[in-house]
Amino acid sequence: MISDLSQRGKMSLKNTSLILLLISGLLSLDALATTYYVSEKGNDQFPGTKVKPYRTINRGAAMAMPGDTIYVMEGVYRERVVPLRSGEPGKPIVFLGEPGSKVFIKGSEIWETSWESAGNGNWYAIPEDHLFTDRSPEYIDHYNPFKTELASTPYQREGKYEYLRGFGGDTTIVYTCGQVIVDDEMYTEVPFREELRSATWFYEVETGRLYVNFGDSEPDAHIVEITTRRRIFAPYVRGLGYITVEGFIMEHAGTNYPTNFWMEERWGQKGALGIEIGHHWVIRRNVIRRAKTFAIDCGYVDGNGRQSDLVAHNNLIEENYILENGAAGIMSSASLDMIIRGNVVMYNNTLHFLGMKRWEQAGIKCHDPRNAIFEGNYIAHNYLICGIWLDNKFPDARITRNVLVFNEKAGIFFELSSYDYDRCFVDHNIILGNGSSQVYMHDASGGTFMHNLMALSREQPEYGQAVYLRQSGPRGKARSSHHSFYNNLYLENSRIYNFSYPSHKGGPQKTDFNVYDAGEKERFFGINKLTEGPEAYTDDEFMDLIK
């Protein structure tokens, strides 16, 4: 009997062990992730293995489930990549460019066509409709970038939309979202055929003809690319999460300028790479360049997005190169817990947007970034724009350890907020050589600046301060006040501070424990009564107040 019980016990232990082993195996199978491979030499009818890879990234996107990876091998992929579903916590869907290789995703096609001469170096052809494959339902104007008008005029010209908005302009000046690239050189768009010169192009709406000036050569001697997709990587569905995009070179995209994006759906804040109000995205180690307007959007995108229950949150943008885009680098609106760190952002705003209703550009431009961190970025040499621009509230944001140098406007720009002290911390940054001021603020409050180097402000009629703070006009409760400047180092600035007088629409500021140059100019401390609305005081009244 005892022996029989012993045998039964052993069998019971064996059965238990077997059951546990089966459960463990099932859990392991569930945890196994699939890697789908994509190659220029592949075929979308293949199974997507390393030996028999897919041809398109979108085929991998269609197959990928949470935890899966779409591994894209070296090559050039001409498609708009559209993620179809979310990953899960701990199991993101990963789009990965082959490490150490050049993996391009382009919004353009090589255009081989029959050209007709128009004389004086000008040639024309009509782009075939089948080239324009990015036909997303989000495009309520047109899927063809050449048939889509830019919402604001570049190159500081006053055109159709400036006129319609009451700012003055010429209704015949219209630019498009298209791009022409010849032998990897971005050709310049002109709004009139008679303005064509070497390395320029013009799109004739009435005939659909695209004119390109090749100078003294013929078009067949060149590789011509035209932008055929308005975006490069963005879902159609809003609110997807747990997606990683890493290791790609993305270039050429017919993005529009996001004028009034908060209420104009057709001009939404839609970059070459966009998350469509997503969450837990990781955008890492990519090169994003040469978009018609801007590279990355990572917030809500238009009026409809604001009205939805979706919130872009917990997104990470790190270690990317954001270069040579027509307007801005990174743009965001109403993001929560966003981190932008370790990026190189240079040579953006190549189309030189500047003027009324051309305010959506900067190296990094964010509206209402809540609890955001901007850390360790190198932001330099951006044309006619500032390095980091926080607009329309920035509660509990932090700007730390960035290098902001030689941008044509300010290094840091704060606009439109009404806070007490200490709502945004700016610390341990190098801010020098920027064109107007190192730090510029209007109608904004609540910044605390500590342990920063601010240097090399150049003498100018109005600008040239290390820190310039003014009230631009009556803007609700917004006040240029409650800023603190502690333990900063100011070197070789033509002036140090220029603050609004602390009354009317301004308020108190704090400066203490800072280190200044010893020269007379470097100790200059200005106060102003500047406002774009009715001024509070005459010059004589103002002088009496500050005596």
Protein backbone atom coordinates (compact mmCIF):
# COMPACT_ATOMS: atom_id res chain seq x y z
CA MET A 1 0.00 0.00 0.00
CA ILE A 2 2.78 2.40 0.95
CA SER A 3 4.62 1.59 -2.27
CA ASP A 4 1.44 2.19 -4.29
CA LEU A 5 0.89 5.59 -2.66
CA SER A 6 4.49 6.48 -3.33
CA GLN A 7 4.08 5.66 -7.01
CA ARG A 8 0.88 7.71 -7.18
CA GLY A 9 2.70 10.64 -5.57
CA LYS A 10 5.47 10.44 -8.11
CA MET A 11 2.94 10.36 -10.96
CA SER A 12 1.11 13.36 -9.47
CA LEU A 13 4.37 15.29 -9.30
CA LYS A 14 5.15 14.37 -12.90
CA ASN A 15 1.69 15.50 -14.05
CA THR A 16 2.04 18.77 -12.16
CA SER A 17 5.46 19.36 -13.68
CA LEU A 18 4.09 18.58 -17.14
CA ILE A 19 1.18 20.99 -16.69
CA LEU A 20 3.53 23.73 -15.48
CA LEU A 21 5.82 23.07 -18.44
CA LEU A 22 2.89 23.33 -20.88
CA ILE A 23 1.71 26.58 -19.28
CA SER A 24 5.24 27.96 -19.41
CA GLY A 25 5.48 27.00 -23.08
CA LEU A 26 2.19 28.65 -23.92
CA LEU A 27 3.27 31.83 -22.13
CA SER A 28 6.57 31.76 -24.00
CA LEU A 29 4.76 31.37 -27.32
CA ASP A 30 2.57 34.31 -26.41
CA ALA A 31 5.65 36.36 -25.54
CA LEU A 32 7.46 35.53 -28.80
CA ALA A 33 7.58 38.53 -31.12
CA THR A 34 7.85 38.34 -34.89
CA THR A 35 10.37 40.25 -36.98
CA TYR A 36 9.22 41.08 -40.49
CA TYR A 37 11.95 41.97 -42.96
CA VAL A 38 11.70 44.50 -45.78
CA SER A 39 14.13 44.84 -48.68
CA GLU A 40 14.35 46.65 -52.02
CA LYS A 41 14.78 43.17 -53.51
CA GLY A 42 11.77 41.75 -51.74
CA ASN A 43 8.20 41.03 -52.76
CA ASP A 44 5.03 41.73 -50.82
CA GLN A 45 3.84 38.23 -51.74
CA PHE A 46 6.75 36.75 -49.78
CA PRO A 47 6.34 35.74 -46.10
CA GLY A 48 8.50 38.63 -44.84
CA THR A 49 11.36 36.53 -43.54
CA LYS A 50 15.02 37.51 -43.78
CA VAL A 51 15.45 35.17 -46.75
CA LYS A 52 12.18 36.18 -48.40
CA PRO A 53 11.48 39.77 -47.28
CA TYR A 54 8.64 42.10 -48.14
CA ARG A 55 9.16 44.88 -50.68
CA THR A 56 7.30 47.68 -48.83
CA ILE A 57 7.32 48.90 -45.27
CA ASN A 58 3.54 49.15 -45.40
CA ARG A 59 3.26 45.43 -45.96
CA GLY A 60 5.13 44.95 -42.71
CA ALA A 61 2.92 47.52 -40.99
CA ALA A 62 -0.17 45.62 -42.11
CA MET A 63 1.13 42.41 -40.54
CA ALA A 64 2.69 43.76 -37.33
CA MET A 65 1.03 43.06 -34.00
CA PRO A 66 2.08 44.31 -30.55
CA GLY A 67 5.69 43.36 -29.85
CA ASP A 68 6.59 42.86 -33.51
CA THR A 69 9.39 44.58 -35.43
CA ILE A 70 9.45 45.72 -39.05
CA TYR A 71 13.15 45.52 -39.90
CA VAL A 72 13.92 47.57 -43.01
CA MET A 73 17.16 46.83 -44.84
CA GLU A 74 19.33 49.36 -46.65
CA GLY A 75 17.74 51.04 -49.65
CA VAL A 76 15.31 53.71 -50.83
CA TYR A 77 11.61 53.26 -50.08
CA ARG A 78 9.18 55.60 -51.78
CA GLU A 79 5.93 55.30 -49.85
CA ARG A 80 3.97 56.94 -47.08
CA VAL A 81 4.24 54.56 -44.17
CA VAL A 82 0.90 54.15 -42.37
CA PRO A 83 0.86 52.28 -39.03
CA LEU A 84 -2.47 50.48 -38.67
CA ARG A 85 -2.60 49.55 -35.00
CA SER A 86 -1.10 50.25 -31.60
CA GLY A 87 1.43 48.31 -29.66
CA GLU A 88 0.98 47.59 -25.98
CA PRO A 89 2.86 48.49 -22.79
CA GLY A 90 6.15 46.61 -22.94
CA LYS A 91 5.33 45.41 -26.47
CA PRO A 92 5.64 48.32 -28.89
CA ILE A 93 5.42 47.93 -32.63
CA VAL A 94 8.90 48.84 -33.82
CA PHE A 95 9.81 50.24 -37.24
CA LEU A 96 13.59 49.80 -37.41
CA GLY A 97 15.99 50.87 -40.12
CA GLU A 98 18.93 48.51 -40.46
CA PRO A 99 21.58 49.75 -38.01
CA GLY A 100 24.67 51.19 -39.68
CA SER A 101 22.96 51.39 -43.08
CA LYS A 102 21.29 54.15 -45.08
CA VAL A 103 17.58 53.45 -45.08
CA PHE A 104 15.67 56.18 -46.91
CA ILE A 105 11.94 56.81 -46.90
CA LYS A 106 11.11 59.47 -49.48
CA GLY A 107 8.00 61.42 -50.27
CA SER A 108 9.24 61.86 -53.83
CA GLU A 109 9.54 59.85 -57.03
CA ILE A 110 12.14 59.92 -59.76
CA TRP A 111 10.32 61.56 -62.64
CA GLU A 112 11.13 60.19 -66.06
CA THR A 113 9.01 62.03 -68.58
CA SER A 114 9.02 63.60 -72.04
CA TRP A 115 10.09 67.20 -71.67
CA GLU A 116 9.15 70.03 -74.01
CA SER A 117 11.38 73.07 -74.42
CA ALA A 118 9.90 76.49 -73.60
CA GLY A 119 13.10 78.39 -74.38
CA ASN A 120 15.61 80.24 -72.19
CA GLY A 121 16.56 77.07 -70.33
CA ASN A 122 12.93 76.32 -69.41
CA TRP A 123 11.39 72.90 -69.98
CA TYR A 124 7.95 71.63 -69.08
CA ALA A 125 5.97 68.43 -68.66
CA ILE A 126 2.73 67.42 -66.91
CA PRO A 127 3.13 65.13 -63.88
CA GLU A 128 1.08 61.97 -64.34
CA ASP A 129 -1.70 61.54 -61.78
CA HIS A 130 -0.75 57.95 -60.98
CA LEU A 131 2.49 59.17 -59.37
CA PHE A 132 0.56 60.68 -56.45
CA THR A 133 -0.08 57.67 -54.27
CA ASP A 134 -0.65 59.34 -50.88
CA ARG A 135 -4.41 59.77 -51.17
CA SER A 136 -5.30 59.98 -47.51
CA PRO A 137 -8.85 61.09 -46.68
CA GLU A 138 -7.29 63.74 -44.43
CA TYR A 139 -6.45 65.86 -47.49
CA ILE A 140 -9.59 67.91 -47.93
CA ASP A 141 -7.88 70.21 -50.43
CA HIS A 142 -5.87 67.83 -52.69
CA TYR A 143 -3.58 64.82 -52.49
CA ASN A 144 -1.30 66.29 -55.17
CA PRO A 145 1.19 68.69 -53.49
CA PHE A 146 1.43 70.79 -56.66
CA LYS A 147 -2.33 71.30 -56.65
CA THR A 148 -2.30 72.28 -52.96
CA GLU A 149 -1.67 75.94 -52.15
CA LEU A 150 0.63 76.92 -49.31
CA ALA A 151 -1.44 78.50 -46.53
CA SER A 152 1.08 81.34 -46.07
CA THR A 153 3.58 82.88 -48.44
CA PRO A 154 7.31 82.16 -48.03
CA TYR A 155 10.30 84.39 -48.74
CA GLN A 156 8.57 87.30 -46.93
CA ARG A 157 6.42 88.07 -49.95
CA GLU A 158 2.85 89.16 -49.34
CA GLY A 159 0.58 86.89 -51.38
CA LYS A 160 -2.95 85.65 -51.81
CA TYR A 161 -3.66 84.55 -48.26
CA GLU A 162 -2.00 87.57 -46.70
CA TYR A 163 -4.33 89.71 -48.80
CA LEU A 164 -7.40 87.67 -47.85
CA ARG A 165 -6.51 87.99 -44.18
CA GLY A 166 -6.41 91.77 -44.48
CA PHE A 167 -2.66 92.22 -44.27
CA GLY A 168 -2.15 93.47 -47.80
CA GLY A 169 -0.70 91.46 -50.64
CA ASP A 170 -1.01 90.31 -54.22
CA THR A 171 -3.73 87.72 -54.84
CA THR A 172 -1.80 86.35 -57.83
CA ILE A 173 1.15 85.28 -55.65
CA VAL A 174 0.52 81.66 -54.77
CA TYR A 175 3.02 78.96 -53.83
CA THR A 176 2.36 75.22 -53.73
CA CYS A 177 3.25 72.33 -51.43
CA GLY A 178 5.28 70.73 -54.23
CA GLN A 179 9.03 70.27 -54.45
CA VAL A 180 11.44 69.70 -57.33
CA ILE A 181 14.80 68.08 -56.63
CA VAL A 182 17.43 67.90 -59.39
CA ASP A 183 20.57 65.84 -58.79
CA ASP A 184 19.78 66.00 -55.06
CA GLU A 185 19.59 69.82 -55.11
CA MET A 186 16.42 71.51 -53.92
CA TYR A 187 15.26 73.82 -56.71
CA THR A 188 13.47 77.05 -55.75
CA GLU A 189 9.79 77.58 -56.52
CA VAL A 190 8.72 80.89 -58.10
CA PRO A 191 5.10 82.11 -58.31
CA PHE A 192 5.31 83.48 -61.88
CA ARG A 193 6.64 81.92 -65.04
CA GLU A 194 8.54 85.10 -65.97
CA GLU A 195 10.58 84.73 -62.76
CA LEU A 196 12.12 81.44 -63.90
CA ARG A 197 15.90 81.40 -63.70
CA SER A 198 18.46 78.62 -63.41
CA ALA A 199 17.61 76.11 -60.62
CA THR A 200 14.00 77.32 -60.24
CA TRP A 201 10.59 75.88 -61.08
CA PHE A 202 7.00 77.03 -61.59
CA TYR A 203 3.69 75.16 -61.56
CA GLU A 204 1.02 76.42 -63.96
CA VAL A 205 -2.37 75.66 -62.46
CA GLU A 206 -4.40 76.24 -65.63
CA THR A 207 -2.50 73.70 -67.73
CA GLY A 208 -0.98 71.43 -65.08
CA ARG A 209 2.43 72.06 -66.59
CA LEU A 210 5.49 71.93 -64.35
CA TYR A 211 8.21 74.22 -65.68
CA VAL A 212 11.82 73.68 -64.61
CA ASN A 213 14.81 75.80 -65.59
CA PHE A 214 17.86 73.59 -66.11
CA GLY A 215 20.16 76.44 -67.09
CA ASP A 216 22.42 75.60 -70.02
CA SER A 217 21.77 71.85 -69.86
CA GLU A 218 18.92 69.58 -70.93
CA PRO A 219 16.69 67.68 -68.50
CA ASP A 220 17.83 64.25 -69.69
CA ALA A 221 21.26 65.03 -68.27
CA HIS A 222 19.81 65.11 -64.74
CA ILE A 223 18.01 62.95 -62.20
CA VAL A 224 14.76 64.76 -61.45
CA GLU A 225 12.63 63.98 -58.41
CA ILE A 226 9.27 65.55 -57.60
CA THR A 227 7.36 65.35 -54.34
CA THR A 228 4.38 63.06 -54.83
CA ARG A 229 3.34 62.49 -51.21
CA ARG A 230 2.38 65.08 -48.67
CA ARG A 231 3.64 63.08 -45.71
CA ILE A 232 6.23 60.36 -45.15
CA PHE A 233 5.27 58.52 -41.96
CA ALA A 234 1.91 59.05 -40.26
CA PRO A 235 -1.16 56.95 -39.43
CA TYR A 236 -4.61 57.69 -40.81
CA VAL A 237 -6.18 56.75 -37.46
CA ARG A 238 -5.67 59.10 -34.54
CA GLY A 239 -4.67 58.04 -31.05
CA LEU A 240 -2.38 55.09 -31.80
CA GLY A 241 0.20 54.31 -29.15
CA TYR A 242 3.34 52.34 -28.29
CA ILE A 243 5.03 52.78 -31.67
CA THR A 244 8.78 53.17 -32.18
CA VAL A 245 10.33 54.71 -35.30
CA GLU A 246 14.10 54.38 -35.39
CA GLY A 247 16.99 54.56 -37.83
CA PHE A 248 15.52 56.12 -40.99
CA ILE A 249 16.44 58.98 -43.28
CA MET A 250 13.20 60.71 -44.25
CA GLU A 251 13.20 63.43 -46.87
CA HIS A 252 10.97 65.33 -49.33
CA ALA A 253 7.36 65.81 -48.25
CA GLY A 254 4.61 68.13 -49.47
CA THR A 255 3.64 69.39 -46.04
CA ASN A 256 1.61 72.58 -45.76
CA TYR A 257 2.27 75.59 -43.53
CA PRO A 258 0.08 75.18 -40.41
CA THR A 259 -1.55 78.62 -40.48
CA ASN A 260 -4.37 78.81 -37.91
CA PHE A 261 -4.04 75.05 -37.48
CA TRP A 262 -6.15 75.18 -34.31
CA MET A 263 -9.27 75.98 -36.38
CA GLU A 264 -8.41 75.24 -40.05
CA GLU A 265 -8.61 71.51 -40.70
CA ARG A 266 -7.05 71.78 -44.16
CA TRP A 267 -4.02 73.54 -42.67
CA GLY A 268 -3.57 71.21 -39.73
CA GLN A 269 -0.26 70.80 -37.94
CA LYS A 270 0.83 67.79 -39.99
CA GLY A 271 4.55 67.18 -40.40
CA ALA A 272 6.50 64.83 -42.61
CA LEU A 273 6.46 62.47 -39.63
CA GLY A 274 3.36 62.74 -37.46
CA ILE A 275 1.88 60.85 -34.54
CA GLU A 276 -1.76 61.98 -35.06
CA ILE A 277 -2.43 62.69 -31.39
CA GLY A 278 -0.72 59.47 -30.40
CA HIS A 279 0.82 58.37 -27.14
CA HIS A 280 3.96 56.50 -26.06
CA TRP A 281 5.65 57.01 -29.42
CA VAL A 282 9.44 56.84 -29.53
CA ILE A 283 11.02 58.70 -32.46
CA ARG A 284 14.72 57.97 -32.23
CA ARG A 285 17.93 58.32 -34.26
CA ASN A 286 16.32 59.41 -37.51
CA VAL A 287 17.33 62.07 -40.01
CA ILE A 288 14.32 64.12 -41.10
CA ARG A 289 15.10 66.77 -43.66
CA ARG A 290 13.91 68.80 -46.61
CA ALA A 291 10.20 68.74 -45.93
CA LYS A 292 8.35 71.54 -47.69
CA THR A 293 7.52 73.11 -44.32
CA PHE A 294 8.21 71.15 -41.11
CA ALA A 295 9.55 67.81 -39.98
CA ILE A 296 7.72 66.37 -36.93
CA ASP A 297 4.33 66.99 -35.31
CA CYS A 298 3.66 65.49 -31.89
CA GLY A 299 0.44 66.96 -30.53
CA TYR A 300 -3.12 67.63 -31.56
CA VAL A 301 -3.25 68.71 -35.19
CA ASP A 302 -6.36 70.81 -35.86
CA GLY A 303 -9.67 72.05 -34.48
CA ASN A 304 -11.24 68.60 -34.69
CA GLY A 305 -8.34 67.16 -32.73
CA ARG A 306 -8.84 69.67 -29.94
CA GLN A 307 -12.52 68.82 -29.69
CA SER A 308 -11.86 65.09 -29.33
CA ASP A 309 -11.06 63.28 -26.08
CA LEU A 310 -7.60 62.33 -27.33
CA VAL A 311 -4.46 63.74 -25.74
CA ALA A 312 -0.94 63.29 -27.09
CA HIS A 313 1.06 62.10 -24.11
CA ASN A 314 4.22 60.35 -23.00
CA ASN A 315 5.98 60.74 -26.33
CA LEU A 316 9.76 60.72 -26.67
CA ILE A 317 11.72 62.38 -29.49
CA GLU A 318 15.43 61.80 -29.08
CA GLU A 319 18.76 61.77 -30.91
CA ASN A 320 17.35 62.79 -34.28
CA TYR A 321 18.84 65.13 -36.86
CA ILE A 322 16.23 67.67 -37.99
CA LEU A 323 17.75 69.55 -40.92
CA GLU A 324 16.96 71.91 -43.79
CA ASN A 325 13.18 71.88 -43.56
CA GLY A 326 11.22 74.70 -45.18
CA ALA A 327 9.78 76.06 -41.91
CA ALA A 328 10.11 74.45 -38.46
CA GLY A 329 11.84 71.42 -37.02
CA ILE A 330 9.62 69.93 -34.29
CA MET A 331 6.09 71.20 -33.58
CA SER A 332 3.67 70.23 -30.87
CA SER A 333 0.38 71.43 -29.43
CA ALA A 334 -1.24 70.44 -26.13
CA SER A 335 1.13 67.58 -25.39
CA LEU A 336 1.42 66.04 -21.95
CA ASP A 337 4.61 64.55 -20.47
CA MET A 338 6.56 64.94 -23.72
CA ILE A 339 10.37 64.60 -23.78
CA ILE A 340 12.47 66.14 -26.56
CA ARG A 341 16.14 65.43 -25.92
CA GLY A 342 19.48 64.95 -27.59
CA ASN A 343 18.38 66.16 -31.03
CA VAL A 344 20.37 68.22 -33.52
CA VAL A 345 18.10 70.88 -35.07
CA MET A 346 19.82 73.00 -37.71
CA TYR A 347 19.29 75.05 -40.88
CA ASN A 348 15.48 75.03 -40.77
CA ASN A 349 13.14 77.66 -42.26
CA THR A 350 14.91 77.44 -45.59
CA LEU A 351 11.87 79.13 -47.19
CA HIS A 352 12.35 82.11 -44.87
CA PHE A 353 8.78 82.39 -43.60
CA LEU A 354 8.40 85.65 -41.72
CA GLY A 355 5.55 88.10 -41.27
CA MET A 356 1.90 88.22 -40.31
CA LYS A 357 0.37 84.75 -39.87
CA ARG A 358 3.79 83.18 -40.40
CA TRP A 359 4.45 82.45 -36.76
CA GLU A 360 4.56 78.64 -36.78
CA GLN A 361 8.27 78.15 -37.01
CA ALA A 362 11.22 77.62 -34.71
CA GLY A 363 13.78 74.92 -34.18
CA ILE A 364 11.23 73.57 -31.68
CA LYS A 365 7.80 75.31 -31.47
CA CYS A 366 5.33 74.08 -28.86
CA HIS A 367 1.90 75.36 -27.84
CA ASP A 368 0.82 74.39 -24.34
CA PRO A 369 3.49 71.79 -23.55
CA ARG A 370 2.44 70.45 -20.17
CA ASN A 371 5.13 68.95 -17.96
CA ALA A 372 7.45 68.78 -20.97
CA ILE A 373 11.23 68.35 -20.88
CA PHE A 374 13.57 69.84 -23.49
CA GLU A 375 16.99 68.48 -22.69
CA GLY A 376 20.41 68.26 -24.30
CA ASN A 377 19.40 69.48 -27.77
CA TYR A 378 21.76 71.31 -30.11
CA ILE A 379 19.74 73.98 -31.92
CA ALA A 380 21.74 76.21 -34.23
CA HIS A 381 21.79 78.28 -37.42
CA ASN A 382 18.05 78.23 -38.04
CA TYR A 383 17.00 80.99 -40.45
CA LEU A 384 14.88 83.93 -39.26
CA ILE A 385 13.54 81.91 -36.34
CA CYS A 386 14.36 81.18 -32.72
CA GLY A 387 15.69 78.04 -31.11
CA ILE A 388 12.89 77.03 -28.70
CA TRP A 389 9.54 78.85 -28.76
CA LEU A 390 6.94 78.03 -26.08
CA ASP A 391 3.58 79.60 -26.83
CA ASN A 392 0.19 79.79 -25.15
CA LYS A 393 1.01 78.36 -21.73
CA PHE A 394 3.83 76.05 -20.71
CA PRO A 395 3.01 74.76 -17.20
CA ASP A 396 5.78 72.85 -15.42
CA ALA A 397 8.01 72.66 -18.48
CA ARG A 398 11.79 72.45 -18.15
CA ILE A 399 14.46 73.57 -20.64
CA THR A 400 17.80 72.19 -19.52
CA ARG A 401 21.31 71.51 -20.82
CA ASN A 402 20.60 72.68 -24.37
CA VAL A 403 22.97 74.51 -26.67
CA LEU A 404 21.11 77.27 -28.54
CA VAL A 405 23.50 79.20 -30.74
CA PHE A 406 23.50 81.46 -33.81
CA ASN A 407 19.82 81.24 -34.62
CA GLU A 408 18.68 84.36 -36.45
CA LYS A 409 16.11 85.31 -33.79
CA ALA A 410 16.16 84.57 -30.08
CA GLY A 411 17.62 81.48 -28.49
CA ILE A 412 14.50 81.04 -26.30
CA PHE A 413 11.11 82.74 -26.79
CA PHE A 414 8.22 82.65 -24.30
CA GLU A 415 4.78 83.92 -25.33
CA LEU A 416 1.30 84.14 -23.83
CA SER A 417 0.96 82.94 -20.27
CA SER A 418 -0.28 84.21 -16.93
CA TYR A 419 1.55 82.58 -14.03
CA ASP A 420 3.08 83.39 -10.71
CA TYR A 421 6.77 82.60 -10.25
CA ASP A 422 8.45 79.27 -11.04
CA ARG A 423 6.18 77.58 -13.58
CA CYS A 424 8.90 76.89 -16.18
CA PHE A 425 12.53 76.22 -15.32
CA VAL A 426 15.32 77.14 -17.73
CA ASP A 427 18.65 75.93 -16.41
CA HIS A 428 22.20 75.03 -17.44
CA ASN A 429 21.80 76.10 -21.07
CA ILE A 430 24.37 77.71 -23.36
CA ILE A 431 22.56 80.51 -25.20
CA LEU A 432 24.83 82.67 -27.32
CA GLY A 433 25.19 84.51 -30.61
CA ASN A 434 21.49 84.44 -31.45
CA GLY A 435 20.43 87.26 -33.74
CA SER A 436 17.98 89.41 -31.76
CA SER A 437 18.25 88.51 -28.05
CA GLN A 438 19.37 85.43 -26.21
CA VAL A 439 16.03 85.27 -24.39
CA TYR A 440 12.96 87.14 -25.64
CA MET A 441 9.53 87.17 -23.98
CA HIS A 442 6.30 89.03 -24.52
CA ASP A 443 2.96 88.61 -22.80
CA ALA A 444 4.42 85.76 -20.78
CA SER A 445 5.17 85.08 -17.14
CA GLY A 446 6.49 82.49 -14.72
CA GLY A 447 9.95 81.67 -16.07
CA THR A 448 12.85 80.86 -13.76
CA PHE A 449 16.29 81.15 -15.40
CA MET A 450 19.19 79.62 -13.46
CA HIS A 451 22.80 78.71 -14.22
CA ASN A 452 22.67 79.68 -17.89
CA LEU A 453 25.37 81.25 -20.04
CA MET A 454 23.97 84.10 -22.16
CA ALA A 455 26.51 85.74 -24.43
CA LEU A 456 27.32 87.59 -27.64
CA SER A 457 24.20 89.69 -28.11
CA ARG A 458 24.88 92.04 -31.01
CA GLU A 459 24.13 95.78 -30.93
CA GLN A 460 20.90 96.60 -32.81
CA PRO A 461 18.39 99.48 -32.86
CA GLU A 462 15.79 97.62 -30.76
CA TYR A 463 17.34 94.26 -29.97
CA GLY A 464 20.74 93.15 -28.76
CA GLN A 465 19.89 92.41 -25.13
CA ALA A 466 20.72 89.22 -23.36
CA VAL A 467 17.13 89.28 -22.03
CA TYR A 468 14.31 91.32 -23.59
CA LEU A 469 10.90 91.35 -21.92
CA ARG A 470 7.98 93.42 -23.18
CA GLN A 471 4.20 93.57 -23.34
CA SER A 472 3.01 93.42 -26.94
CA GLY A 473 -0.55 94.55 -26.27
CA PRO A 474 -3.81 93.73 -24.47
CA ARG A 475 -4.01 89.92 -24.58
CA GLY A 476 -6.42 88.77 -21.91
CA LYS A 477 -4.72 87.97 -18.62
CA ALA A 478 -1.26 87.53 -20.15
CA ARG A 479 1.37 89.56 -18.30
CA SER A 480 5.07 90.09 -18.90
CA SER A 481 5.98 89.49 -15.29
CA HIS A 482 7.06 87.14 -12.50
CA HIS A 483 10.32 86.01 -14.08
CA SER A 484 13.39 85.15 -12.02
CA PHE A 485 17.04 85.29 -13.08
CA TYR A 486 19.47 83.66 -10.65
CA ASN A 487 23.11 82.58 -10.96
CA ASN A 488 23.39 83.26 -14.68
CA LEU A 489 26.59 84.26 -16.44
CA TYR A 490 26.34 87.17 -18.92
CA LEU A 491 29.31 87.73 -21.23
CA GLU A 492 29.93 90.18 -24.08
CA ASN A 493 26.36 91.33 -24.53
CA SER A 494 25.74 94.82 -25.86
CA ARG A 495 23.07 95.12 -23.14
CA ILE A 496 21.94 92.86 -20.31
CA TYR A 497 18.24 93.36 -19.59
CA ASN A 498 15.38 95.34 -21.07
CA PHE A 499 12.24 94.88 -18.98
CA SER A 500 8.75 96.32 -19.19
CA TYR A 501 8.09 98.89 -16.49
CA PRO A 502 6.33 97.03 -13.63
CA SER A 503 2.89 98.58 -13.98
CA HIS A 504 0.16 98.84 -16.63
CA LYS A 505 0.40 95.31 -18.06
CA GLY A 506 3.79 94.29 -16.71
CA GLY A 507 4.72 93.17 -13.23
CA PRO A 508 7.59 92.36 -10.87
CA GLN A 509 10.75 90.51 -11.88
CA LYS A 510 13.62 89.10 -9.80
CA THR A 511 17.34 89.20 -10.60
CA ASP A 512 19.98 88.10 -8.11
CA PHE A 513 23.34 86.34 -7.79
CA ASN A 514 24.16 86.77 -11.50
CA VAL A 515 27.63 87.45 -12.92
CA TYR A 516 28.03 90.30 -15.43
CA ASP A 517 30.85 91.66 -17.56
CA ALA A 518 32.58 94.66 -16.06
CA GLY A 519 32.37 97.03 -19.05
CA GLU A 520 29.94 99.94 -19.11
CA LYS A 521 27.74 98.52 -21.90
CA GLU A 522 27.67 95.09 -20.35
CA ARG A 523 26.10 96.60 -17.22
CA PHE A 524 23.30 98.27 -19.19
CA PHE A 525 19.88 97.64 -17.64
CA GLY A 526 16.95 99.02 -19.65
CA ILE A 527 13.29 99.48 -18.87
CA ASN A 528 10.62 100.07 -21.50
CA LYS A 529 6.98 101.01 -21.95
CA LEU A 530 6.68 99.05 -25.17
CA THR A 531 3.30 97.76 -26.26
CA GLU A 532 1.59 97.36 -29.61
CA GLY A 533 -1.65 98.64 -28.12
CA PRO A 534 -2.30 102.14 -26.78
CA GLU A 535 0.73 103.10 -24.71
CA ALA A 536 0.14 103.65 -21.02
CA TYR A 537 2.35 106.72 -20.77
CA THR A 538 3.79 109.51 -22.83
CA ASP A 539 7.56 109.70 -22.91
CA ASP A 540 7.55 112.53 -20.35
CA GLU A 541 5.15 110.70 -18.02
CA PHE A 542 7.28 107.58 -18.26
CA MET A 543 10.48 109.47 -17.42
CA ASP A 544 8.79 111.02 -14.40
CA LEU A 545 7.73 107.59 -13.16
CA ILE A 546 11.17 106.05 -13.30
CA LYS A 547 13.21 108.95 -11.90
